Amino acid sequence: MKYSKEKIQEICGYIEGGLGYVDACHCADISYETFTVWREKHPELPEALKKAEAKFKRVNLNIIRKAALRQWQPAAWLLERKFQDEFAQKYRLGHEGKDGAAIPLVLEMRSKLKGLPADQLKKLAKSL
């Protein structure tokens, strides 16, 4: 496949739509290996990709902000992810160590735990 502005615009369009590099390449009918070579050989390509990703972020952040005008959860979600140290939920769990001594653990909610009700999280914590 030959490098062209049109092909790069096509790939960037897919990335602006939310696809990752591998899927964008697949949709544009080029191999990921070719894409990787292009990124190394054409210094304007990484910048174009960053711009496409930034557009995707901007569009979706605007959607979240609009939704937050109607309900508080989108704003909370955004704060939890943008400022994890300040707003992400943290759970303190205890586990018995040697001789029954408590070993404090801090478990931050991540993809597999997010959305679980507090009572299920407590049951999970007790089973550890």
N, C-alpha and C. Protein backbone atom coordinates (compact mmCIF):
# COMPACT_ATOMS: atom_id res chain seq x y z
N MET A 1 0.86 -1.18 0.00
CA MET A 1 0.00 0.00 0.00
C MET A 1 0.90 1.23 0.00
N LYS A 2 0.54 2.20 -0.81
CA LYS A 2 1.32 3.43 -0.92
C LYS A 2 0.76 4.49 0.02
N TYR A 3 1.66 5.20 0.67
CA TYR A 3 1.29 6.27 1.58
C TYR A 3 0.62 7.40 0.80
N SER A 4 -0.50 7.88 1.33
CA SER A 4 -1.18 9.01 0.70
C SER A 4 -1.92 9.82 1.75
N LYS A 5 -2.13 11.10 1.45
CA LYS A 5 -2.88 11.96 2.37
C LYS A 5 -4.30 11.44 2.53
N GLU A 6 -4.88 10.96 1.46
CA GLU A 6 -6.26 10.46 1.50
C GLU A 6 -6.38 9.27 2.45
N LYS A 7 -5.41 8.36 2.40
CA LYS A 7 -5.44 7.18 3.27
C LYS A 7 -5.27 7.59 4.73
N ILE A 8 -4.41 8.57 4.98
CA ILE A 8 -4.21 9.05 6.34
C ILE A 8 -5.47 9.73 6.85
N GLN A 9 -6.13 10.52 6.00
CA GLN A 9 -7.38 11.16 6.40
C GLN A 9 -8.45 10.10 6.72
N GLU A 10 -8.47 9.02 5.94
CA GLU A 10 -9.42 7.94 6.20
C GLU A 10 -9.15 7.30 7.56
N ILE A 11 -7.89 6.99 7.82
CA ILE A 11 -7.51 6.38 9.10
C ILE A 11 -7.85 7.33 10.25
N CYS A 12 -7.51 8.59 10.10
CA CYS A 12 -7.80 9.58 11.15
C CYS A 12 -9.30 9.72 11.37
N GLY A 13 -10.08 9.60 10.32
CA GLY A 13 -11.54 9.64 10.47
C GLY A 13 -12.05 8.50 11.34
N TYR A 14 -11.49 7.31 11.16
CA TYR A 14 -11.88 6.17 11.99
C TYR A 14 -11.47 6.40 13.45
N ILE A 15 -10.29 6.98 13.64
CA ILE A 15 -9.80 7.24 14.99
C ILE A 15 -10.66 8.31 15.66
N GLU A 16 -11.06 9.32 14.90
CA GLU A 16 -11.97 10.35 15.44
C GLU A 16 -13.29 9.72 15.86
N GLY A 17 -13.66 8.63 15.22
CA GLY A 17 -14.89 7.92 15.57
C GLY A 17 -14.73 6.99 16.75
N GLY A 18 -13.51 6.84 17.25
CA GLY A 18 -13.30 6.05 18.45
C GLY A 18 -12.56 4.74 18.26
N LEU A 19 -12.21 4.40 17.03
CA LEU A 19 -11.48 3.16 16.83
C LEU A 19 -10.03 3.30 17.25
N GLY A 20 -9.45 2.18 17.64
CA GLY A 20 -8.02 2.13 17.92
C GLY A 20 -7.26 1.97 16.61
N TYR A 21 -5.95 2.02 16.70
CA TYR A 21 -5.13 1.96 15.50
C TYR A 21 -5.33 0.67 14.70
N VAL A 22 -5.36 -0.45 15.36
CA VAL A 22 -5.49 -1.73 14.66
C VAL A 22 -6.81 -1.79 13.89
N ASP A 23 -7.90 -1.42 14.55
CA ASP A 23 -9.20 -1.45 13.87
C ASP A 23 -9.29 -0.41 12.76
N ALA A 24 -8.71 0.76 12.98
CA ALA A 24 -8.72 1.80 11.95
C ALA A 24 -7.96 1.31 10.71
N CYS A 25 -6.85 0.65 10.93
CA CYS A 25 -6.09 0.09 9.80
C CYS A 25 -6.90 -0.97 9.07
N HIS A 26 -7.55 -1.81 9.83
CA HIS A 26 -8.38 -2.86 9.23
C HIS A 26 -9.48 -2.25 8.36
N CYS A 27 -10.15 -1.23 8.88
CA CYS A 27 -11.22 -0.58 8.12
C CYS A 27 -10.69 0.14 6.89
N ALA A 28 -9.45 0.62 6.96
CA ALA A 28 -8.85 1.34 5.84
C ALA A 28 -8.13 0.40 4.87
N ASP A 29 -8.24 -0.89 5.14
CA ASP A 29 -7.63 -1.92 4.27
C ASP A 29 -6.11 -1.81 4.16
N ILE A 30 -5.45 -1.51 5.29
CA ILE A 30 -3.99 -1.59 5.31
C ILE A 30 -3.58 -2.42 6.52
N SER A 31 -2.41 -2.99 6.46
CA SER A 31 -1.94 -3.79 7.59
C SER A 31 -1.41 -2.86 8.68
N TYR A 32 -1.49 -3.35 9.90
CA TYR A 32 -0.97 -2.57 11.02
C TYR A 32 0.55 -2.40 10.87
N GLU A 33 1.21 -3.39 10.29
CA GLU A 33 2.66 -3.31 10.08
C GLU A 33 2.99 -2.14 9.14
N THR A 34 2.22 -2.00 8.06
CA THR A 34 2.42 -0.89 7.13
C THR A 34 2.22 0.44 7.85
N PHE A 35 1.15 0.49 8.64
CA PHE A 35 0.84 1.69 9.42
C PHE A 35 2.01 2.06 10.34
N THR A 36 2.58 1.08 11.00
CA THR A 36 3.71 1.31 11.91
C THR A 36 4.92 1.87 11.15
N VAL A 37 5.17 1.34 9.98
CA VAL A 37 6.28 1.85 9.15
C VAL A 37 6.00 3.30 8.76
N TRP A 38 4.77 3.58 8.37
CA TRP A 38 4.40 4.95 8.00
C TRP A 38 4.62 5.93 9.15
N ARG A 39 4.25 5.50 10.35
CA ARG A 39 4.43 6.39 11.51
C ARG A 39 5.90 6.72 11.72
N GLU A 40 6.76 5.77 11.46
CA GLU A 40 8.19 6.00 11.65
C GLU A 40 8.79 6.85 10.53
N LYS A 41 8.29 6.69 9.31
CA LYS A 41 8.86 7.37 8.15
C LYS A 41 8.27 8.75 7.89
N HIS A 42 7.08 9.01 8.36
CA HIS A 42 6.38 10.26 8.05
C HIS A 42 6.09 11.01 9.35
N PRO A 43 6.91 12.00 9.67
CA PRO A 43 6.78 12.70 10.96
C PRO A 43 5.46 13.43 11.15
N GLU A 44 4.73 13.72 10.10
CA GLU A 44 3.45 14.40 10.24
C GLU A 44 2.34 13.44 10.71
N LEU A 45 2.54 12.15 10.53
CA LEU A 45 1.49 11.17 10.87
C LEU A 45 1.22 11.10 12.37
N PRO A 46 2.22 10.97 13.25
CA PRO A 46 1.90 10.93 14.68
C PRO A 46 1.12 12.15 15.17
N GLU A 47 1.45 13.31 14.62
CA GLU A 47 0.73 14.53 15.01
C GLU A 47 -0.72 14.48 14.54
N ALA A 48 -0.95 13.98 13.34
CA ALA A 48 -2.32 13.86 12.82
C ALA A 48 -3.12 12.87 13.66
N LEU A 49 -2.48 11.80 14.11
CA LEU A 49 -3.15 10.81 14.95
C LEU A 49 -3.52 11.40 16.31
N LYS A 50 -2.61 12.17 16.89
CA LYS A 50 -2.90 12.82 18.18
C LYS A 50 -4.08 13.78 18.04
N LYS A 51 -4.12 14.48 16.93
CA LYS A 51 -5.21 15.43 16.70
C LYS A 51 -6.54 14.69 16.56
N ALA A 52 -6.54 13.57 15.85
CA ALA A 52 -7.75 12.77 15.68
C ALA A 52 -8.24 12.23 17.03
N GLU A 53 -7.32 11.76 17.86
CA GLU A 53 -7.69 11.27 19.19
C GLU A 53 -8.25 12.39 20.06
N ALA A 54 -7.65 13.58 19.95
CA ALA A 54 -8.13 14.73 20.73
C ALA A 54 -9.55 15.11 20.30
N LYS A 55 -9.84 15.02 19.02
CA LYS A 55 -11.20 15.32 18.53
C LYS A 55 -12.20 14.32 19.10
N PHE A 56 -11.81 13.05 19.14
CA PHE A 56 -12.69 12.03 19.72
C PHE A 56 -12.97 12.34 21.19
N LYS A 57 -11.93 12.69 21.93
CA LYS A 57 -12.10 13.04 23.34
C LYS A 57 -13.03 14.24 23.50
N ARG A 58 -12.79 15.28 22.70
CA ARG A 58 -13.59 16.50 22.80
C ARG A 58 -15.07 16.21 22.56
N VAL A 59 -15.37 15.46 21.52
CA VAL A 59 -16.77 15.15 21.21
C VAL A 59 -17.42 14.40 22.37
N ASN A 60 -16.73 13.41 22.90
CA ASN A 60 -17.33 12.60 23.95
C ASN A 60 -17.39 13.32 25.29
N LEU A 61 -16.42 14.16 25.57
CA LEU A 61 -16.50 14.96 26.79
C LEU A 61 -17.68 15.94 26.71
N ASN A 62 -17.93 16.48 25.54
CA ASN A 62 -19.10 17.35 25.37
C ASN A 62 -20.40 16.60 25.61
N ILE A 63 -20.46 15.36 25.17
CA ILE A 63 -21.66 14.53 25.40
C ILE A 63 -21.85 14.32 26.90
N ILE A 64 -20.76 14.00 27.59
CA ILE A 64 -20.83 13.77 29.04
C ILE A 64 -21.25 15.04 29.76
N ARG A 65 -20.68 16.17 29.36
CA ARG A 65 -21.03 17.44 30.02
C ARG A 65 -22.51 17.79 29.79
N LYS A 66 -23.02 17.54 28.60
CA LYS A 66 -24.43 17.81 28.34
C LYS A 66 -25.31 16.90 29.19
N ALA A 67 -24.93 15.64 29.30
CA ALA A 67 -25.70 14.70 30.12
C ALA A 67 -25.67 15.11 31.59
N ALA A 68 -24.54 15.70 32.02
CA ALA A 68 -24.41 16.12 33.42
C ALA A 68 -25.33 17.27 33.77
N LEU A 69 -25.85 17.96 32.78
CA LEU A 69 -26.81 19.02 33.05
C LEU A 69 -28.15 18.46 33.51
N ARG A 70 -28.44 17.21 33.14
CA ARG A 70 -29.71 16.57 33.50
C ARG A 70 -29.59 15.68 34.74
N GLN A 71 -28.42 15.13 34.97
CA GLN A 71 -28.23 14.25 36.13
C GLN A 71 -26.77 14.33 36.59
N TRP A 72 -26.54 14.02 37.86
CA TRP A 72 -25.23 14.21 38.45
C TRP A 72 -24.24 13.10 38.11
N GLN A 73 -24.70 11.89 37.76
CA GLN A 73 -23.81 10.75 37.58
C GLN A 73 -22.73 10.95 36.50
N PRO A 74 -23.07 11.55 35.34
CA PRO A 74 -22.00 11.75 34.36
C PRO A 74 -20.89 12.66 34.87
N ALA A 75 -21.25 13.67 35.65
CA ALA A 75 -20.22 14.55 36.22
C ALA A 75 -19.36 13.79 37.21
N ALA A 76 -19.98 12.97 38.05
CA ALA A 76 -19.23 12.17 39.02
C ALA A 76 -18.30 11.19 38.31
N TRP A 77 -18.81 10.56 37.27
CA TRP A 77 -18.01 9.60 36.49
C TRP A 77 -16.77 10.29 35.92
N LEU A 78 -16.99 11.48 35.36
CA LEU A 78 -15.89 12.22 34.75
C LEU A 78 -14.86 12.62 35.81
N LEU A 79 -15.31 13.11 36.94
CA LEU A 79 -14.39 13.48 38.01
C LEU A 79 -13.59 12.28 38.51
N GLU A 80 -14.26 11.13 38.66
CA GLU A 80 -13.58 9.93 39.15
C GLU A 80 -12.46 9.50 38.21
N ARG A 81 -12.66 9.69 36.93
CA ARG A 81 -11.66 9.24 35.97
C ARG A 81 -10.59 10.29 35.66
N LYS A 82 -10.97 11.53 35.68
CA LYS A 82 -10.03 12.60 35.38
C LYS A 82 -9.12 12.89 36.57
N PHE A 83 -9.68 12.82 37.77
CA PHE A 83 -8.94 13.14 38.99
C PHE A 83 -9.06 11.96 39.97
N GLN A 84 -8.46 10.84 39.60
CA GLN A 84 -8.60 9.61 40.39
C GLN A 84 -8.15 9.77 41.83
N ASP A 85 -7.04 10.44 42.04
CA ASP A 85 -6.53 10.57 43.41
C ASP A 85 -7.52 11.28 44.32
N GLU A 86 -8.28 12.21 43.78
CA GLU A 86 -9.21 12.98 44.60
C GLU A 86 -10.62 12.39 44.66
N PHE A 87 -11.09 11.83 43.54
CA PHE A 87 -12.50 11.48 43.46
C PHE A 87 -12.80 9.99 43.27
N ALA A 88 -11.82 9.17 42.89
CA ALA A 88 -12.09 7.75 42.68
C ALA A 88 -12.44 7.10 44.00
N GLN A 89 -13.41 6.19 43.97
CA GLN A 89 -13.82 5.51 45.19
C GLN A 89 -12.74 4.52 45.61
N LYS A 90 -12.44 4.52 46.88
CA LYS A 90 -11.47 3.59 47.44
C LYS A 90 -12.17 2.80 48.55
N TYR A 91 -11.82 1.55 48.65
CA TYR A 91 -12.41 0.70 49.67
C TYR A 91 -11.30 0.15 50.54
N ARG A 92 -11.51 0.20 51.82
CA ARG A 92 -10.57 -0.40 52.76
C ARG A 92 -11.09 -1.78 53.13
N LEU A 93 -10.24 -2.77 52.90
CA LEU A 93 -10.60 -4.14 53.22
C LEU A 93 -9.60 -4.69 54.23
N GLY A 94 -10.05 -5.58 55.06
CA GLY A 94 -9.14 -6.22 56.00
C GLY A 94 -8.98 -7.69 55.66
N HIS A 95 -7.83 -8.22 55.98
CA HIS A 95 -7.58 -9.65 55.77
C HIS A 95 -6.67 -10.11 56.89
N GLU A 96 -6.95 -11.30 57.41
CA GLU A 96 -6.14 -11.80 58.51
C GLU A 96 -4.80 -12.30 58.00
N GLY A 97 -3.78 -11.85 58.64
CA GLY A 97 -2.44 -12.31 58.30
C GLY A 97 -1.97 -13.38 59.27
N LYS A 98 -0.69 -13.48 59.42
CA LYS A 98 -0.09 -14.46 60.30
C LYS A 98 -0.56 -14.22 61.73
N ASP A 99 -0.93 -15.27 62.43
CA ASP A 99 -1.39 -15.21 63.82
C ASP A 99 -2.64 -14.35 63.99
N GLY A 100 -3.44 -14.24 62.95
CA GLY A 100 -4.70 -13.52 63.05
C GLY A 100 -4.59 -12.01 63.03
N ALA A 101 -3.39 -11.49 62.81
CA ALA A 101 -3.22 -10.04 62.75
C ALA A 101 -3.84 -9.49 61.47
N ALA A 102 -4.45 -8.34 61.59
CA ALA A 102 -5.09 -7.72 60.43
C ALA A 102 -4.04 -7.12 59.50
N ILE A 103 -4.24 -7.31 58.22
CA ILE A 103 -3.38 -6.71 57.20
C ILE A 103 -4.26 -5.75 56.41
N PRO A 104 -4.08 -4.43 56.58
CA PRO A 104 -4.92 -3.48 55.84
C PRO A 104 -4.56 -3.46 54.36
N LEU A 105 -5.57 -3.48 53.54
CA LEU A 105 -5.40 -3.42 52.09
C LEU A 105 -6.24 -2.26 51.55
N VAL A 106 -5.77 -1.60 50.51
CA VAL A 106 -6.56 -0.59 49.83
C VAL A 106 -6.81 -1.09 48.42
N LEU A 107 -8.06 -1.18 48.06
CA LEU A 107 -8.44 -1.67 46.74
C LEU A 107 -9.22 -0.57 46.03
N GLU A 108 -8.68 -0.08 44.94
CA GLU A 108 -9.39 0.94 44.18
C GLU A 108 -10.31 0.24 43.18
N MET A 109 -11.49 0.82 42.99
CA MET A 109 -12.42 0.25 42.03
C MET A 109 -11.82 0.36 40.64
N ARG A 110 -11.85 -0.70 39.93
CA ARG A 110 -11.40 -0.73 38.55
C ARG A 110 -12.48 -1.39 37.71
N SER A 111 -12.17 -1.68 36.46
CA SER A 111 -13.17 -2.11 35.50
C SER A 111 -14.03 -3.28 35.96
N LYS A 112 -13.45 -4.28 36.61
CA LYS A 112 -14.25 -5.44 37.01
C LYS A 112 -15.11 -5.17 38.23
N LEU A 113 -14.74 -4.18 39.06
CA LEU A 113 -15.48 -3.91 40.28
C LEU A 113 -16.46 -2.76 40.13
N LYS A 114 -16.21 -1.88 39.14
CA LYS A 114 -17.07 -0.71 39.03
C LYS A 114 -18.51 -1.14 38.75
N GLY A 115 -19.40 -0.46 39.34
CA GLY A 115 -20.81 -0.74 39.14
C GLY A 115 -21.39 -1.76 40.10
N LEU A 116 -20.53 -2.46 40.86
CA LEU A 116 -21.06 -3.41 41.83
C LEU A 116 -21.65 -2.66 43.02
N PRO A 117 -22.81 -3.08 43.46
CA PRO A 117 -23.39 -2.45 44.65
C PRO A 117 -22.48 -2.67 45.87
N ALA A 118 -22.58 -1.78 46.82
CA ALA A 118 -21.72 -1.83 48.01
C ALA A 118 -21.85 -3.15 48.75
N ASP A 119 -23.08 -3.70 48.85
CA ASP A 119 -23.24 -4.97 49.58
C ASP A 119 -22.51 -6.12 48.90
N GLN A 120 -22.47 -6.13 47.57
CA GLN A 120 -21.73 -7.17 46.86
C GLN A 120 -20.23 -6.99 47.05
N LEU A 121 -19.77 -5.74 47.07
CA LEU A 121 -18.36 -5.48 47.32
C LEU A 121 -17.95 -5.95 48.72
N LYS A 122 -18.82 -5.73 49.70
CA LYS A 122 -18.52 -6.18 51.06
C LYS A 122 -18.45 -7.70 51.13
N LYS A 123 -19.39 -8.38 50.44
CA LYS A 123 -19.36 -9.85 50.41
C LYS A 123 -18.07 -10.33 49.76
N LEU A 124 -17.67 -9.67 48.67
CA LEU A 124 -16.44 -10.03 47.99
C LEU A 124 -15.25 -9.82 48.91
N ALA A 125 -15.26 -8.71 49.62
CA ALA A 125 -14.16 -8.41 50.54
C ALA A 125 -14.07 -9.47 51.64
N LYS A 126 -15.19 -9.91 52.15
CA LYS A 126 -15.20 -10.91 53.22
C LYS A 126 -14.68 -12.26 52.73
N SER A 127 -14.87 -12.52 51.45
CA SER A 127 -14.44 -13.81 50.90
C SER A 127 -12.96 -13.85 50.59
N LEU A 128 -12.30 -12.71 50.63
CA LEU A 128 -10.86 -12.68 50.32
C LEU A 128 -10.03 -13.18 51.47
